[in-house]
Amino acid sequence: MSDETDDKKLSEQIDELSALVKRLEDPSIELEDALAVYESGMKIAQAAQKALEQAEQRIETVSGNTES
């Protein structure tokens, strides 16, 4: 995963994922292009998941709740 993907805001990551989904829904997309788009989407999704987990940890720390 690149630092560039990690540094993007969650809202930007979601926008990028939406754009990638639209590309994948295009029936004229070539297989190789679809695979590249899918791989890119997975990297973005992993970075977004990491950001959500970090936000959850921060919320738990601030609220004093350490239960998962």
PDB file of N, CA and C in Angstrom:
ATOM      1  N   MET A   1       0.836  -1.169   0.000  1.00  0.00           N
ATOM      2  CA  MET A   1       0.000   0.000   0.000  1.00  0.00           C
ATOM      3  C   MET A   1       0.879   1.229   0.000  1.00  0.00           C
ATOM      4  N   SER A   2       0.545   2.203  -0.794  1.00  0.00           N
ATOM      5  CA  SER A   2       1.401   3.379  -0.893  1.00  0.00           C
ATOM      6  C   SER A   2       1.051   4.401   0.173  1.00  0.00           C
ATOM      7  N   ASP A   3       2.031   5.220   0.506  1.00  0.00           N
ATOM      8  CA  ASP A   3       1.799   6.295   1.456  1.00  0.00           C
ATOM      9  C   ASP A   3       0.780   7.271   0.903  1.00  0.00           C
ATOM     10  N   GLU A   4       0.783   7.458  -0.416  1.00  0.00           N
ATOM     11  CA  GLU A   4      -0.156   8.381  -1.047  1.00  0.00           C
ATOM     12  C   GLU A   4      -1.593   7.948  -0.768  1.00  0.00           C
ATOM     13  N   THR A   5      -1.882   6.668  -0.878  1.00  0.00           N
ATOM     14  CA  THR A   5      -3.216   6.150  -0.596  1.00  0.00           C
ATOM     15  C   THR A   5      -3.544   6.318   0.875  1.00  0.00           C
ATOM     16  N   ASP A   6      -2.593   6.043   1.750  1.00  0.00           N
ATOM     17  CA  ASP A   6      -2.799   6.161   3.191  1.00  0.00           C
ATOM     18  C   ASP A   6      -3.060   7.606   3.604  1.00  0.00           C
ATOM     19  N   ASP A   7      -2.464   8.570   2.921  1.00  0.00           N
ATOM     20  CA  ASP A   7      -2.559   9.970   3.306  1.00  0.00           C
ATOM     21  C   ASP A   7      -3.842  10.644   2.835  1.00  0.00           C
ATOM     22  N   LYS A   8      -4.583  10.013   1.958  1.00  0.00           N
ATOM     23  CA  LYS A   8      -5.817  10.615   1.463  1.00  0.00           C
ATOM     24  C   LYS A   8      -6.896  10.550   2.526  1.00  0.00           C
ATOM     25  N   LYS A   9      -7.769  11.548   2.510  1.00  0.00           N
ATOM     26  CA  LYS A   9      -8.891  11.563   3.437  1.00  0.00           C
ATOM     27  C   LYS A   9      -9.849  10.439   3.085  1.00  0.00           C
ATOM     28  N   LEU A  10     -10.568   9.981   4.083  1.00  0.00           N
ATOM     29  CA  LEU A  10     -11.518   8.897   3.876  1.00  0.00           C
ATOM     30  C   LEU A  10     -12.541   9.270   2.803  1.00  0.00           C
ATOM     31  N   SER A  11     -13.008  10.498   2.817  1.00  0.00           N
ATOM     32  CA  SER A  11     -13.995  10.922   1.815  1.00  0.00           C
ATOM     33  C   SER A  11     -13.412  10.848   0.397  1.00  0.00           C
ATOM     34  N   GLU A  12     -12.132  11.160   0.248  1.00  0.00           N
ATOM     35  CA  GLU A  12     -11.485  11.061  -1.060  1.00  0.00           C
ATOM     36  C   GLU A  12     -11.372   9.599  -1.486  1.00  0.00           C
ATOM     37  N   GLN A  13     -11.062   8.731  -0.528  1.00  0.00           N
ATOM     38  CA  GLN A  13     -10.956   7.305  -0.831  1.00  0.00           C
ATOM     39  C   GLN A  13     -12.311   6.752  -1.286  1.00  0.00           C
ATOM     40  N   ILE A  14     -13.374   7.167  -0.612  1.00  0.00           N
ATOM     41  CA  ILE A  14     -14.712   6.707  -0.983  1.00  0.00           C
ATOM     42  C   ILE A  14     -15.077   7.207  -2.377  1.00  0.00           C
ATOM     43  N   ASP A  15     -14.749   8.457  -2.673  1.00  0.00           N
ATOM     44  CA  ASP A  15     -15.016   8.996  -4.014  1.00  0.00           C
ATOM     45  C   ASP A  15     -14.262   8.205  -5.079  1.00  0.00           C
ATOM     46  N   GLU A  16     -13.004   7.878  -4.798  1.00  0.00           N
ATOM     47  CA  GLU A  16     -12.212   7.103  -5.755  1.00  0.00           C
ATOM     48  C   GLU A  16     -12.803   5.711  -5.951  1.00  0.00           C
ATOM     49  N   LEU A  17     -13.235   5.097  -4.858  1.00  0.00           N
ATOM     50  CA  LEU A  17     -13.844   3.764  -4.964  1.00  0.00           C
ATOM     51  C   LEU A  17     -15.116   3.821  -5.807  1.00  0.00           C
ATOM     52  N   SER A  18     -15.909   4.855  -5.621  1.00  0.00           N
ATOM     53  CA  SER A  18     -17.132   5.004  -6.422  1.00  0.00           C
ATOM     54  C   SER A  18     -16.811   5.116  -7.912  1.00  0.00           C
ATOM     55  N   ALA A  19     -15.773   5.892  -8.220  1.00  0.00           N
ATOM     56  CA  ALA A  19     -15.368   6.046  -9.618  1.00  0.00           C
ATOM     57  C   ALA A  19     -14.882   4.714 -10.196  1.00  0.00           C
ATOM     58  N   LEU A  20     -14.145   3.957  -9.388  1.00  0.00           N
ATOM     59  CA  LEU A  20     -13.649   2.662  -9.859  1.00  0.00           C
ATOM     60  C   LEU A  20     -14.791   1.678 -10.089  1.00  0.00           C
ATOM     61  N   VAL A  21     -15.785   1.707  -9.221  1.00  0.00           N
ATOM     62  CA  VAL A  21     -16.947   0.824  -9.397  1.00  0.00           C
ATOM     63  C   VAL A  21     -17.652   1.149 -10.710  1.00  0.00           C
ATOM     64  N   LYS A  22     -17.811   2.440 -11.005  1.00  0.00           N
ATOM     65  CA  LYS A  22     -18.439   2.832 -12.270  1.00  0.00           C
ATOM     66  C   LYS A  22     -17.647   2.307 -13.455  1.00  0.00           C
ATOM     67  N   ARG A  23     -16.317   2.370 -13.357  1.00  0.00           N
ATOM     68  CA  ARG A  23     -15.484   1.845 -14.457  1.00  0.00           C
ATOM     69  C   ARG A  23     -15.685   0.339 -14.609  1.00  0.00           C
ATOM     70  N   LEU A  24     -15.768  -0.357 -13.473  1.00  0.00           N
ATOM     71  CA  LEU A  24     -15.946  -1.813 -13.532  1.00  0.00           C
ATOM     72  C   LEU A  24     -17.327  -2.199 -14.073  1.00  0.00           C
ATOM     73  N   GLU A  25     -18.301  -1.335 -13.879  1.00  0.00           N
ATOM     74  CA  GLU A  25     -19.654  -1.616 -14.368  1.00  0.00           C
ATOM     75  C   GLU A  25     -19.791  -1.385 -15.867  1.00  0.00           C
ATOM     76  N   ASP A  26     -18.802  -0.745 -16.477  1.00  0.00           N
ATOM     77  CA  ASP A  26     -18.825  -0.503 -17.920  1.00  0.00           C
ATOM     78  C   ASP A  26     -18.634  -1.827 -18.646  1.00  0.00           C
ATOM     79  N   PRO A  27     -19.625  -2.246 -19.424  1.00  0.00           N
ATOM     80  CA  PRO A  27     -19.516  -3.549 -20.091  1.00  0.00           C
ATOM     81  C   PRO A  27     -18.400  -3.623 -21.143  1.00  0.00           C
ATOM     82  N   SER A  28     -17.871  -2.484 -21.551  1.00  0.00           N
ATOM     83  CA  SER A  28     -16.836  -2.508 -22.584  1.00  0.00           C
ATOM     84  C   SER A  28     -15.421  -2.565 -22.003  1.00  0.00           C
ATOM     85  N   ILE A  29     -15.291  -2.625 -20.681  1.00  0.00           N
ATOM     86  CA  ILE A  29     -13.953  -2.651 -20.079  1.00  0.00           C
ATOM     87  C   ILE A  29     -13.259  -3.977 -20.410  1.00  0.00           C
ATOM     88  N   GLU A  30     -12.000  -3.868 -20.769  1.00  0.00           N
ATOM     89  CA  GLU A  30     -11.199  -5.054 -21.075  1.00  0.00           C
ATOM     90  C   GLU A  30     -10.809  -5.763 -19.784  1.00  0.00           C
ATOM     91  N   LEU A  31     -10.578  -7.051 -19.869  1.00  0.00           N
ATOM     92  CA  LEU A  31     -10.263  -7.851 -18.697  1.00  0.00           C
ATOM     93  C   LEU A  31      -9.033  -7.323 -17.961  1.00  0.00           C
ATOM     94  N   GLU A  32      -7.963  -7.046 -18.673  1.00  0.00           N
ATOM     95  CA  GLU A  32      -6.737  -6.552 -18.040  1.00  0.00           C
ATOM     96  C   GLU A  32      -6.977  -5.219 -17.340  1.00  0.00           C
ATOM     97  N   ASP A  33      -7.761  -4.348 -17.979  1.00  0.00           N
ATOM     98  CA  ASP A  33      -8.087  -3.070 -17.356  1.00  0.00           C
ATOM     99  C   ASP A  33      -8.938  -3.287 -16.106  1.00  0.00           C
ATOM    100  N   ALA A  34      -9.886  -4.196 -16.185  1.00  0.00           N
ATOM    101  CA  ALA A  34     -10.741  -4.490 -15.039  1.00  0.00           C
ATOM    102  C   ALA A  34      -9.919  -5.017 -13.866  1.00  0.00           C
ATOM    103  N   LEU A  35      -8.958  -5.868 -14.152  1.00  0.00           N
ATOM    104  CA  LEU A  35      -8.100  -6.390 -13.087  1.00  0.00           C
ATOM    105  C   LEU A  35      -7.273  -5.281 -12.443  1.00  0.00           C
ATOM    106  N   ALA A  36      -6.754  -4.384 -13.240  1.00  0.00           N
ATOM    107  CA  ALA A  36      -5.966  -3.268 -12.706  1.00  0.00           C
ATOM    108  C   ALA A  36      -6.842  -2.349 -11.850  1.00  0.00           C
ATOM    109  N   VAL A  37      -8.048  -2.087 -12.315  1.00  0.00           N
ATOM    110  CA  VAL A  37      -8.979  -1.253 -11.553  1.00  0.00           C
ATOM    111  C   VAL A  37      -9.336  -1.941 -10.246  1.00  0.00           C
ATOM    112  N   TYR A  38      -9.582  -3.249 -10.304  1.00  0.00           N
ATOM    113  CA  TYR A  38      -9.915  -4.016  -9.098  1.00  0.00           C
ATOM    114  C   TYR A  38      -8.769  -3.964  -8.083  1.00  0.00           C
ATOM    115  N   GLU A  39      -7.544  -4.171  -8.548  1.00  0.00           N
ATOM    116  CA  GLU A  39      -6.386  -4.132  -7.656  1.00  0.00           C
ATOM    117  C   GLU A  39      -6.248  -2.756  -7.008  1.00  0.00           C
ATOM    118  N   SER A  40      -6.432  -1.720  -7.790  1.00  0.00           N
ATOM    119  CA  SER A  40      -6.364  -0.365  -7.262  1.00  0.00           C
ATOM    120  C   SER A  40      -7.453  -0.149  -6.213  1.00  0.00           C
ATOM    121  N   GLY A  41      -8.639  -0.623  -6.507  1.00  0.00           N
ATOM    122  CA  GLY A  41      -9.750  -0.491  -5.566  1.00  0.00           C
ATOM    123  C   GLY A  41      -9.496  -1.222  -4.262  1.00  0.00           C
ATOM    124  N   MET A  42      -8.883  -2.382  -4.340  1.00  0.00           N
ATOM    125  CA  MET A  42      -8.588  -3.142  -3.126  1.00  0.00           C
ATOM    126  C   MET A  42      -7.577  -2.410  -2.255  1.00  0.00           C
ATOM    127  N   LYS A  43      -6.587  -1.783  -2.870  1.00  0.00           N
ATOM    128  CA  LYS A  43      -5.599  -1.013  -2.104  1.00  0.00           C
ATOM    129  C   LYS A  43      -6.268   0.161  -1.403  1.00  0.00           C
ATOM    130  N   ILE A  44      -7.145   0.836  -2.116  1.00  0.00           N
ATOM    131  CA  ILE A  44      -7.854   1.973  -1.525  1.00  0.00           C
ATOM    132  C   ILE A  44      -8.776   1.495  -0.402  1.00  0.00           C
ATOM    133  N   ALA A  45      -9.472   0.388  -0.633  1.00  0.00           N
ATOM    134  CA  ALA A  45     -10.377  -0.152   0.388  1.00  0.00           C
ATOM    135  C   ALA A  45      -9.612  -0.549   1.649  1.00  0.00           C
ATOM    136  N   GLN A  46      -8.437  -1.125   1.489  1.00  0.00           N
ATOM    137  CA  GLN A  46      -7.624  -1.499   2.648  1.00  0.00           C
ATOM    138  C   GLN A  46      -7.172  -0.261   3.420  1.00  0.00           C
ATOM    139  N   ALA A  47      -6.792   0.780   2.705  1.00  0.00           N
ATOM    140  CA  ALA A  47      -6.378   2.022   3.359  1.00  0.00           C
ATOM    141  C   ALA A  47      -7.563   2.658   4.092  1.00  0.00           C
ATOM    142  N   ALA A  48      -8.738   2.605   3.482  1.00  0.00           N
ATOM    143  CA  ALA A  48      -9.938   3.157   4.119  1.00  0.00           C
ATOM    144  C   ALA A  48     -10.278   2.367   5.381  1.00  0.00           C
ATOM    145  N   GLN A  49     -10.167   1.057   5.316  1.00  0.00           N
ATOM    146  CA  GLN A  49     -10.428   0.221   6.489  1.00  0.00           C
ATOM    147  C   GLN A  49      -9.458   0.554   7.613  1.00  0.00           C
ATOM    148  N   LYS A  50      -8.200   0.759   7.265  1.00  0.00           N
ATOM    149  CA  LYS A  50      -7.186   1.123   8.256  1.00  0.00           C
ATOM    150  C   LYS A  50      -7.540   2.462   8.907  1.00  0.00           C
ATOM    151  N   ALA A  51      -7.981   3.423   8.103  1.00  0.00           N
ATOM    152  CA  ALA A  51      -8.360   4.738   8.629  1.00  0.00           C
ATOM    153  C   ALA A  51      -9.554   4.617   9.568  1.00  0.00           C
ATOM    154  N   LEU A  52     -10.520   3.774   9.218  1.00  0.00           N
ATOM    155  CA  LEU A  52     -11.679   3.571  10.082  1.00  0.00           C
ATOM    156  C   LEU A  52     -11.287   2.928  11.405  1.00  0.00           C
ATOM    157  N   GLU A  53     -10.384   1.958  11.342  1.00  0.00           N
ATOM    158  CA  GLU A  53      -9.920   1.301  12.566  1.00  0.00           C
ATOM    159  C   GLU A  53      -9.181   2.282  13.474  1.00  0.00           C
ATOM    160  N   GLN A  54      -8.373   3.154  12.876  1.00  0.00           N
ATOM    161  CA  GLN A  54      -7.650   4.149  13.655  1.00  0.00           C
ATOM    162  C   GLN A  54      -8.620   5.141  14.296  1.00  0.00           C
ATOM    163  N   ALA A  55      -9.647   5.531  13.561  1.00  0.00           N
ATOM    164  CA  ALA A  55     -10.645   6.450  14.108  1.00  0.00           C
ATOM    165  C   ALA A  55     -11.387   5.796  15.267  1.00  0.00           C
ATOM    166  N   GLU A  56     -11.709   4.517  15.120  1.00  0.00           N
ATOM    167  CA  GLU A  56     -12.388   3.789  16.187  1.00  0.00           C
ATOM    168  C   GLU A  56     -11.525   3.741  17.447  1.00  0.00           C
ATOM    169  N   GLN A  57     -10.237   3.498  17.270  1.00  0.00           N
ATOM    170  CA  GLN A  57      -9.320   3.471  18.412  1.00  0.00           C
ATOM    171  C   GLN A  57      -9.250   4.830  19.106  1.00  0.00           C
ATOM    172  N   ARG A  58      -9.215   5.889  18.314  1.00  0.00           N
ATOM    173  CA  ARG A  58      -9.177   7.239  18.887  1.00  0.00           C
ATOM    174  C   ARG A  58     -10.452   7.531  19.680  1.00  0.00           C
ATOM    175  N   ILE A  59     -11.590   7.127  19.131  1.00  0.00           N
ATOM    176  CA  ILE A  59     -12.862   7.346  19.819  1.00  0.00           C
ATOM    177  C   ILE A  59     -12.884   6.578  21.141  1.00  0.00           C
ATOM    178  N   GLU A  60     -12.417   5.351  21.123  1.00  0.00           N
ATOM    179  CA  GLU A  60     -12.377   4.545  22.339  1.00  0.00           C
ATOM    180  C   GLU A  60     -11.447   5.162  23.372  1.00  0.00           C
ATOM    181  N   THR A  61     -10.322   5.694  22.917  1.00  0.00           N
ATOM    182  CA  THR A  61      -9.375   6.340  23.832  1.00  0.00           C
ATOM    183  C   THR A  61      -9.996   7.583  24.459  1.00  0.00           C
ATOM    184  N   VAL A  62     -10.623   8.401  23.641  1.00  0.00           N
ATOM    185  CA  VAL A  62     -11.216   9.638  24.131  1.00  0.00           C
ATOM    186  C   VAL A  62     -12.379   9.356  25.089  1.00  0.00           C
ATOM    187  N   SER A  63     -13.170   8.349  24.774  1.00  0.00           N
ATOM    188  CA  SER A  63     -14.336   8.041  25.598  1.00  0.00           C
ATOM    189  C   SER A  63     -13.982   7.188  26.814  1.00  0.00           C
ATOM    190  N   GLY A  64     -12.745   6.685  26.853  1.00  0.00           N
ATOM    191  CA  GLY A  64     -12.318   5.864  27.984  1.00  0.00           C
ATOM    192  C   GLY A  64     -12.827   4.452  27.910  1.00  0.00           C
ATOM    193  N   ASN A  65     -13.341   4.056  26.770  1.00  0.00           N
ATOM    194  CA  ASN A  65     -13.884   2.713  26.574  1.00  0.00           C
ATOM    195  C   ASN A  65     -12.874   1.893  25.789  1.00  0.00           C
ATOM    196  N   THR A  66     -12.314   0.879  26.409  1.00  0.00           N
ATOM    197  CA  THR A  66     -11.321   0.049  25.723  1.00  0.00           C
ATOM    198  C   THR A  66     -11.893  -1.293  25.294  1.00  0.00           C
ATOM    199  N   GLU A  67     -13.203  -1.499  25.478  1.00  0.00           N
ATOM    200  CA  GLU A  67     -13.811  -2.758  25.024  1.00  0.00           C
ATOM    201  C   GLU A  67     -14.011  -2.707  23.530  1.00  0.00           C
ATOM    202  N   SER A  68     -13.887  -3.866  22.875  1.00  0.00           N
ATOM    203  CA  SER A  68     -14.087  -3.913  21.423  1.00  0.00           C
ATOM    204  C   SER A  68     -15.443  -4.476  21.111  1.00  0.00           C
TER     205      SER A  68
END
